Amino acid sequence: QVQLVESGGGLVQPGGSLRLSCRVAGVSLTETAVAWFHQAPGAEREEREGVSCITWNGQKLNYKNSVEGRFTISKDSAENTVYLQMNELRPEDTGTYFCAARSYACLNHYSNFGDWGQGAQVAVSS
């Protein structure tokens, strides 16, 4: 059984930084792609937007133009953990961030991912 647990969310001022962690259990990151999705306040599950994804062999993809140059995805296979470093945070980055897993390759739609964490809350406000 695959389990994902996010941590690292919080309240931060605009321009600040946060690092989200996604601890994965039940499957190795050497055969798994993990993506981060953003669900804005009031949005439905179906409206989750892909942010970034990292494949089984470390290839990184950004799905959201607005995070280019600000957010960086990485992983530590020894710790079976994926990270999302978020810099220069903006109020529109507020929401719940979910990590999700699937076999090997990254695909940009929430329906392609079968295993999800419970989400980490991020609030960007002055």
N, C-alpha and C. Protein backbone atom coordinates (compact mmCIF):
# COMPACT_ATOMS: atom_id res chain seq x y z
N GLN A 1 0.85 -1.19 0.00
CA GLN A 1 0.00 0.00 0.00
C GLN A 1 0.89 1.25 0.00
N VAL A 2 0.62 2.13 -0.96
CA VAL A 2 1.40 3.35 -1.07
C VAL A 2 0.81 4.43 -0.17
N GLN A 3 1.68 5.09 0.57
CA GLN A 3 1.25 6.19 1.42
C GLN A 3 2.14 7.39 1.18
N LEU A 4 1.52 8.56 1.13
CA LEU A 4 2.26 9.80 0.96
C LEU A 4 1.85 10.76 2.07
N VAL A 5 2.84 11.39 2.67
CA VAL A 5 2.57 12.32 3.76
C VAL A 5 3.31 13.62 3.50
N GLU A 6 2.54 14.70 3.37
CA GLU A 6 3.13 16.01 3.15
C GLU A 6 3.40 16.72 4.47
N SER A 7 4.39 17.59 4.45
CA SER A 7 4.67 18.44 5.60
C SER A 7 5.37 19.70 5.09
N GLY A 8 5.42 20.71 5.96
CA GLY A 8 6.16 21.91 5.63
C GLY A 8 5.33 23.12 5.25
N GLY A 9 4.01 22.98 5.23
CA GLY A 9 3.17 24.12 4.91
C GLY A 9 3.16 25.15 6.03
N GLY A 10 2.52 26.28 5.77
CA GLY A 10 2.42 27.31 6.80
C GLY A 10 2.01 28.64 6.23
N LEU A 11 2.12 29.66 7.07
CA LEU A 11 1.79 31.03 6.68
C LEU A 11 3.10 31.78 6.44
N VAL A 12 3.15 32.48 5.32
CA VAL A 12 4.37 33.21 4.98
C VAL A 12 3.98 34.52 4.31
N GLN A 13 4.82 35.52 4.45
CA GLN A 13 4.57 36.80 3.80
C GLN A 13 4.94 36.73 2.32
N PRO A 14 4.33 37.56 1.50
CA PRO A 14 4.74 37.60 0.08
C PRO A 14 6.24 37.82 -0.05
N GLY A 15 6.85 37.07 -0.96
CA GLY A 15 8.29 37.13 -1.14
C GLY A 15 9.04 36.12 -0.30
N GLY A 16 8.36 35.46 0.63
CA GLY A 16 9.00 34.48 1.49
C GLY A 16 9.14 33.13 0.84
N SER A 17 9.65 32.17 1.61
CA SER A 17 9.94 30.83 1.11
C SER A 17 9.39 29.76 2.04
N LEU A 18 9.06 28.63 1.46
CA LEU A 18 8.69 27.43 2.19
C LEU A 18 9.25 26.23 1.45
N ARG A 19 9.51 25.17 2.19
CA ARG A 19 9.88 23.90 1.55
C ARG A 19 8.90 22.83 2.01
N LEU A 20 8.20 22.28 1.02
CA LEU A 20 7.28 21.18 1.30
C LEU A 20 8.01 19.85 1.13
N SER A 21 7.64 18.90 1.97
CA SER A 21 8.20 17.55 1.88
C SER A 21 7.07 16.56 1.65
N CYS A 22 7.37 15.52 0.89
CA CYS A 22 6.42 14.44 0.64
C CYS A 22 7.14 13.14 0.93
N ARG A 23 6.83 12.54 2.07
CA ARG A 23 7.44 11.27 2.44
C ARG A 23 6.62 10.15 1.84
N VAL A 24 7.28 9.28 1.07
CA VAL A 24 6.59 8.20 0.36
C VAL A 24 6.91 6.87 1.02
N ALA A 25 5.90 6.06 1.26
CA ALA A 25 6.07 4.72 1.82
C ALA A 25 5.34 3.71 0.96
N GLY A 26 5.90 2.50 0.89
CA GLY A 26 5.23 1.42 0.17
C GLY A 26 5.70 1.23 -1.26
N VAL A 27 6.52 2.15 -1.76
CA VAL A 27 7.07 2.05 -3.10
C VAL A 27 8.36 2.86 -3.15
N SER A 28 9.27 2.42 -4.00
CA SER A 28 10.54 3.12 -4.11
C SER A 28 10.47 4.25 -5.13
N LEU A 29 11.13 5.35 -4.83
CA LEU A 29 11.17 6.46 -5.78
C LEU A 29 11.98 6.11 -7.03
N THR A 30 12.70 5.01 -7.00
CA THR A 30 13.45 4.58 -8.18
C THR A 30 12.53 3.99 -9.25
N GLU A 31 11.26 3.82 -8.95
CA GLU A 31 10.30 3.31 -9.93
C GLU A 31 9.01 4.11 -9.93
N THR A 32 9.08 5.32 -9.39
CA THR A 32 7.87 6.11 -9.17
C THR A 32 8.10 7.55 -9.59
N ALA A 33 7.08 8.13 -10.20
CA ALA A 33 7.06 9.58 -10.45
C ALA A 33 6.19 10.22 -9.38
N VAL A 34 6.63 11.37 -8.88
CA VAL A 34 5.86 12.09 -7.88
C VAL A 34 5.65 13.51 -8.36
N ALA A 35 4.42 13.96 -8.26
CA ALA A 35 4.07 15.32 -8.68
C ALA A 35 3.48 16.10 -7.52
N TRP A 36 3.59 17.41 -7.62
CA TRP A 36 2.91 18.32 -6.71
C TRP A 36 1.77 19.00 -7.46
N PHE A 37 0.62 19.05 -6.79
CA PHE A 37 -0.56 19.70 -7.34
C PHE A 37 -1.01 20.82 -6.39
N HIS A 38 -1.56 21.86 -6.97
CA HIS A 38 -2.07 22.99 -6.19
C HIS A 38 -3.59 23.06 -6.33
N GLN A 39 -4.25 23.12 -5.19
CA GLN A 39 -5.70 23.31 -5.19
C GLN A 39 -5.98 24.65 -4.51
N ALA A 40 -6.47 25.59 -5.29
CA ALA A 40 -6.74 26.92 -4.76
C ALA A 40 -7.91 26.89 -3.78
N PRO A 41 -7.99 27.85 -2.88
CA PRO A 41 -9.11 27.91 -1.93
C PRO A 41 -10.45 27.93 -2.65
N GLY A 42 -11.36 27.07 -2.25
CA GLY A 42 -12.68 27.00 -2.85
C GLY A 42 -12.76 26.15 -4.10
N ALA A 43 -11.62 25.69 -4.61
CA ALA A 43 -11.61 24.89 -5.83
C ALA A 43 -11.97 23.45 -5.52
N GLU A 44 -12.48 22.78 -6.53
CA GLU A 44 -12.83 21.37 -6.39
C GLU A 44 -11.60 20.51 -6.70
N ARG A 45 -11.69 19.25 -6.30
CA ARG A 45 -10.61 18.29 -6.57
C ARG A 45 -10.25 18.27 -8.05
N GLU A 46 -11.29 18.36 -8.91
CA GLU A 46 -11.06 18.28 -10.35
C GLU A 46 -10.30 19.48 -10.90
N GLU A 47 -10.19 20.52 -10.06
CA GLU A 47 -9.51 21.73 -10.50
C GLU A 47 -8.07 21.81 -10.02
N ARG A 48 -7.59 20.73 -9.44
CA ARG A 48 -6.20 20.73 -9.00
C ARG A 48 -5.29 20.92 -10.21
N GLU A 49 -4.31 21.80 -10.04
CA GLU A 49 -3.37 22.10 -11.12
C GLU A 49 -2.02 21.45 -10.83
N GLY A 50 -1.48 20.85 -11.84
CA GLY A 50 -0.12 20.33 -11.71
C GLY A 50 0.87 21.46 -11.57
N VAL A 51 1.81 21.30 -10.66
CA VAL A 51 2.85 22.32 -10.43
C VAL A 51 4.18 21.81 -10.98
N SER A 52 4.65 20.73 -10.43
CA SER A 52 5.92 20.15 -10.86
C SER A 52 5.87 18.65 -10.67
N CYS A 53 6.74 17.96 -11.41
CA CYS A 53 6.80 16.50 -11.30
C CYS A 53 8.24 16.05 -11.47
N ILE A 54 8.58 14.97 -10.80
CA ILE A 54 9.92 14.39 -10.95
C ILE A 54 9.76 12.90 -11.23
N THR A 55 10.45 12.43 -12.27
CA THR A 55 10.29 11.05 -12.70
C THR A 55 11.17 10.11 -11.89
N TRP A 56 11.03 8.84 -12.19
CA TRP A 56 11.79 7.82 -11.48
C TRP A 56 13.30 8.03 -11.61
N ASN A 57 13.74 8.58 -12.76
CA ASN A 57 15.18 8.77 -12.98
C ASN A 57 15.62 10.22 -12.79
N GLY A 58 14.77 11.03 -12.17
CA GLY A 58 15.19 12.37 -11.78
C GLY A 58 14.89 13.48 -12.76
N GLN A 59 14.23 13.17 -13.87
CA GLN A 59 13.84 14.23 -14.79
C GLN A 59 12.77 15.11 -14.16
N LYS A 60 12.94 16.43 -14.31
CA LYS A 60 12.01 17.37 -13.68
C LYS A 60 11.18 18.09 -14.72
N LEU A 61 9.90 18.23 -14.43
CA LEU A 61 9.02 18.96 -15.33
C LEU A 61 8.22 19.98 -14.54
N ASN A 62 8.11 21.18 -15.09
CA ASN A 62 7.24 22.20 -14.51
C ASN A 62 5.97 22.27 -15.34
N TYR A 63 4.82 22.29 -14.67
CA TYR A 63 3.55 22.32 -15.38
C TYR A 63 2.90 23.69 -15.34
N LYS A 64 3.38 24.54 -14.47
CA LYS A 64 2.71 25.81 -14.24
C LYS A 64 3.68 26.94 -14.54
N ASN A 65 3.37 27.74 -15.56
CA ASN A 65 4.29 28.80 -15.97
C ASN A 65 4.59 29.79 -14.84
N SER A 66 3.60 30.02 -14.01
CA SER A 66 3.76 31.05 -12.97
C SER A 66 4.78 30.68 -11.90
N VAL A 67 5.18 29.40 -11.84
CA VAL A 67 6.17 29.01 -10.82
C VAL A 67 7.57 28.86 -11.38
N GLU A 68 7.70 29.04 -12.69
CA GLU A 68 9.00 28.90 -13.34
C GLU A 68 10.00 29.86 -12.71
N GLY A 69 11.14 29.33 -12.29
CA GLY A 69 12.17 30.15 -11.67
C GLY A 69 11.96 30.41 -10.19
N ARG A 70 10.81 30.00 -9.67
CA ARG A 70 10.53 30.22 -8.24
C ARG A 70 10.43 28.91 -7.47
N PHE A 71 9.85 27.89 -8.06
CA PHE A 71 9.66 26.60 -7.38
C PHE A 71 10.62 25.57 -7.98
N THR A 72 11.16 24.72 -7.13
CA THR A 72 12.07 23.67 -7.58
C THR A 72 11.70 22.36 -6.91
N ILE A 73 11.53 21.34 -7.73
CA ILE A 73 11.24 20.01 -7.21
C ILE A 73 12.54 19.22 -7.14
N SER A 74 12.66 18.39 -6.12
CA SER A 74 13.84 17.53 -5.99
C SER A 74 13.44 16.31 -5.18
N LYS A 75 14.36 15.35 -5.12
CA LYS A 75 14.06 14.16 -4.32
C LYS A 75 15.33 13.62 -3.69
N ASP A 76 15.12 12.89 -2.61
CA ASP A 76 16.17 12.15 -1.93
C ASP A 76 15.72 10.69 -1.93
N SER A 77 16.26 9.91 -2.85
CA SER A 77 15.81 8.52 -2.97
C SER A 77 16.15 7.70 -1.74
N ALA A 78 17.24 8.02 -1.08
CA ALA A 78 17.61 7.28 0.13
C ALA A 78 16.57 7.50 1.23
N GLU A 79 16.00 8.70 1.28
CA GLU A 79 14.96 9.02 2.27
C GLU A 79 13.56 8.79 1.72
N ASN A 80 13.47 8.43 0.45
CA ASN A 80 12.17 8.24 -0.21
C ASN A 80 11.26 9.46 -0.04
N THR A 81 11.86 10.61 -0.22
CA THR A 81 11.15 11.87 0.01
C THR A 81 11.34 12.81 -1.18
N VAL A 82 10.26 13.46 -1.54
CA VAL A 82 10.28 14.47 -2.61
C VAL A 82 10.03 15.83 -1.97
N TYR A 83 10.72 16.83 -2.48
CA TYR A 83 10.61 18.18 -1.93
C TYR A 83 10.10 19.16 -2.98
N LEU A 84 9.47 20.22 -2.51
CA LEU A 84 9.12 21.34 -3.37
C LEU A 84 9.60 22.61 -2.66
N GLN A 85 10.68 23.17 -3.17
CA GLN A 85 11.20 24.42 -2.63
C GLN A 85 10.46 25.56 -3.30
N MET A 86 9.80 26.38 -2.52
CA MET A 86 8.98 27.47 -3.05
C MET A 86 9.57 28.80 -2.58
N ASN A 87 10.06 29.57 -3.52
CA ASN A 87 10.64 30.89 -3.23
C ASN A 87 9.79 31.98 -3.85
N GLU A 88 10.02 33.19 -3.40
CA GLU A 88 9.30 34.36 -3.94
C GLU A 88 7.80 34.11 -3.98
N LEU A 89 7.27 33.63 -2.88
CA LEU A 89 5.86 33.27 -2.83
C LEU A 89 4.96 34.48 -3.02
N ARG A 90 3.84 34.23 -3.69
CA ARG A 90 2.86 35.27 -4.00
C ARG A 90 1.51 34.88 -3.40
N PRO A 91 0.63 35.84 -3.17
CA PRO A 91 -0.69 35.51 -2.62
C PRO A 91 -1.43 34.46 -3.45
N GLU A 92 -1.25 34.46 -4.76
CA GLU A 92 -1.95 33.50 -5.61
C GLU A 92 -1.40 32.08 -5.47
N ASP A 93 -0.29 31.92 -4.75
CA ASP A 93 0.22 30.57 -4.46
C ASP A 93 -0.51 29.93 -3.28
N THR A 94 -1.34 30.68 -2.63
CA THR A 94 -2.10 30.17 -1.48
C THR A 94 -2.98 28.99 -1.89
N GLY A 95 -3.08 28.02 -1.00
CA GLY A 95 -3.94 26.87 -1.25
C GLY A 95 -3.40 25.63 -0.59
N THR A 96 -3.93 24.51 -1.02
CA THR A 96 -3.48 23.22 -0.52
C THR A 96 -2.61 22.56 -1.58
N TYR A 97 -1.46 22.08 -1.13
CA TYR A 97 -0.53 21.41 -2.03
C TYR A 97 -0.54 19.92 -1.72
N PHE A 98 -0.81 19.14 -2.75
CA PHE A 98 -0.87 17.70 -2.63
C PHE A 98 0.29 17.08 -3.40
N CYS A 99 0.87 16.03 -2.84
CA CYS A 99 1.78 15.23 -3.65
C CYS A 99 1.04 13.95 -4.06
N ALA A 100 1.41 13.46 -5.23
CA ALA A 100 0.74 12.30 -5.79
C ALA A 100 1.77 11.45 -6.52
N ALA A 101 1.52 10.14 -6.58
CA ALA A 101 2.48 9.21 -7.15
C ALA A 101 1.84 8.33 -8.22
N ARG A 102 2.66 7.96 -9.18
CA ARG A 102 2.27 6.99 -10.20
C ARG A 102 3.55 6.30 -10.66
N SER A 103 3.42 5.25 -11.47
CA SER A 103 4.60 4.50 -11.90
C SER A 103 5.41 5.29 -12.92
N TYR A 104 6.67 5.41 -12.65
CA TYR A 104 7.72 5.87 -13.55
C TYR A 104 7.56 7.29 -14.14
N ALA A 105 6.56 7.50 -15.01
CA ALA A 105 6.54 8.73 -15.82
C ALA A 105 5.59 9.77 -15.27
N CYS A 106 5.91 11.02 -15.57
CA CYS A 106 5.05 12.14 -15.17
C CYS A 106 3.98 12.39 -16.23
N LEU A 107 2.76 12.62 -15.77
CA LEU A 107 1.67 13.04 -16.63
C LEU A 107 0.96 14.19 -15.95
N ASN A 108 0.53 15.16 -16.74
CA ASN A 108 -0.01 16.39 -16.16
C ASN A 108 -1.52 16.37 -16.13
N HIS A 109 -2.09 15.59 -15.28
CA HIS A 109 -3.52 15.70 -14.97
C HIS A 109 -3.76 14.88 -13.72
N TYR A 110 -4.54 15.42 -12.82
CA TYR A 110 -4.70 14.76 -11.52
C TYR A 110 -5.25 13.35 -11.68
N SER A 111 -6.03 13.09 -12.73
CA SER A 111 -6.66 11.77 -12.90
C SER A 111 -5.66 10.68 -13.23
N ASN A 112 -4.43 11.05 -13.60
CA ASN A 112 -3.41 10.06 -13.92
C ASN A 112 -2.67 9.55 -12.70
N PHE A 113 -2.98 10.12 -11.55
CA PHE A 113 -2.29 9.75 -10.32
C PHE A 113 -3.26 9.06 -9.38
N GLY A 114 -2.84 7.87 -8.92
CA GLY A 114 -3.75 7.08 -8.11
C GLY A 114 -3.53 7.18 -6.61
N ASP A 115 -2.35 7.64 -6.22
CA ASP A 115 -2.02 7.70 -4.79
C ASP A 115 -1.74 9.15 -4.41
N TRP A 116 -2.40 9.57 -3.34
CA TRP A 116 -2.35 10.97 -2.92
C TRP A 116 -2.09 11.11 -1.44
N GLY A 117 -1.44 12.22 -1.10
CA GLY A 117 -1.33 12.58 0.30
C GLY A 117 -2.54 13.39 0.74
N GLN A 118 -2.53 13.79 2.00
CA GLN A 118 -3.66 14.52 2.56
C GLN A 118 -3.58 16.02 2.31
N GLY A 119 -2.44 16.51 1.87
CA GLY A 119 -2.29 17.92 1.54
C GLY A 119 -1.61 18.72 2.62
N ALA A 120 -0.93 19.77 2.18
CA ALA A 120 -0.28 20.71 3.08
C ALA A 120 -0.82 22.11 2.76
N GLN A 121 -1.20 22.83 3.80
CA GLN A 121 -1.79 24.16 3.62
C GLN A 121 -0.70 25.20 3.51
N VAL A 122 -0.82 26.04 2.49
CA VAL A 122 0.12 27.15 2.30
C VAL A 122 -0.71 28.43 2.21
N ALA A 123 -0.36 29.41 3.02
CA ALA A 123 -1.04 30.70 2.99
C ALA A 123 0.01 31.79 2.83
N VAL A 124 -0.16 32.61 1.80
CA VAL A 124 0.76 33.70 1.53
C VAL A 124 0.00 35.01 1.71
N SER A 125 0.34 35.70 2.76
CA SER A 125 -0.41 36.91 3.09
C SER A 125 0.43 37.83 3.96
N SER A 126 0.21 39.12 3.80
CA SER A 126 0.90 40.09 4.66
C SER A 126 0.03 40.45 5.85
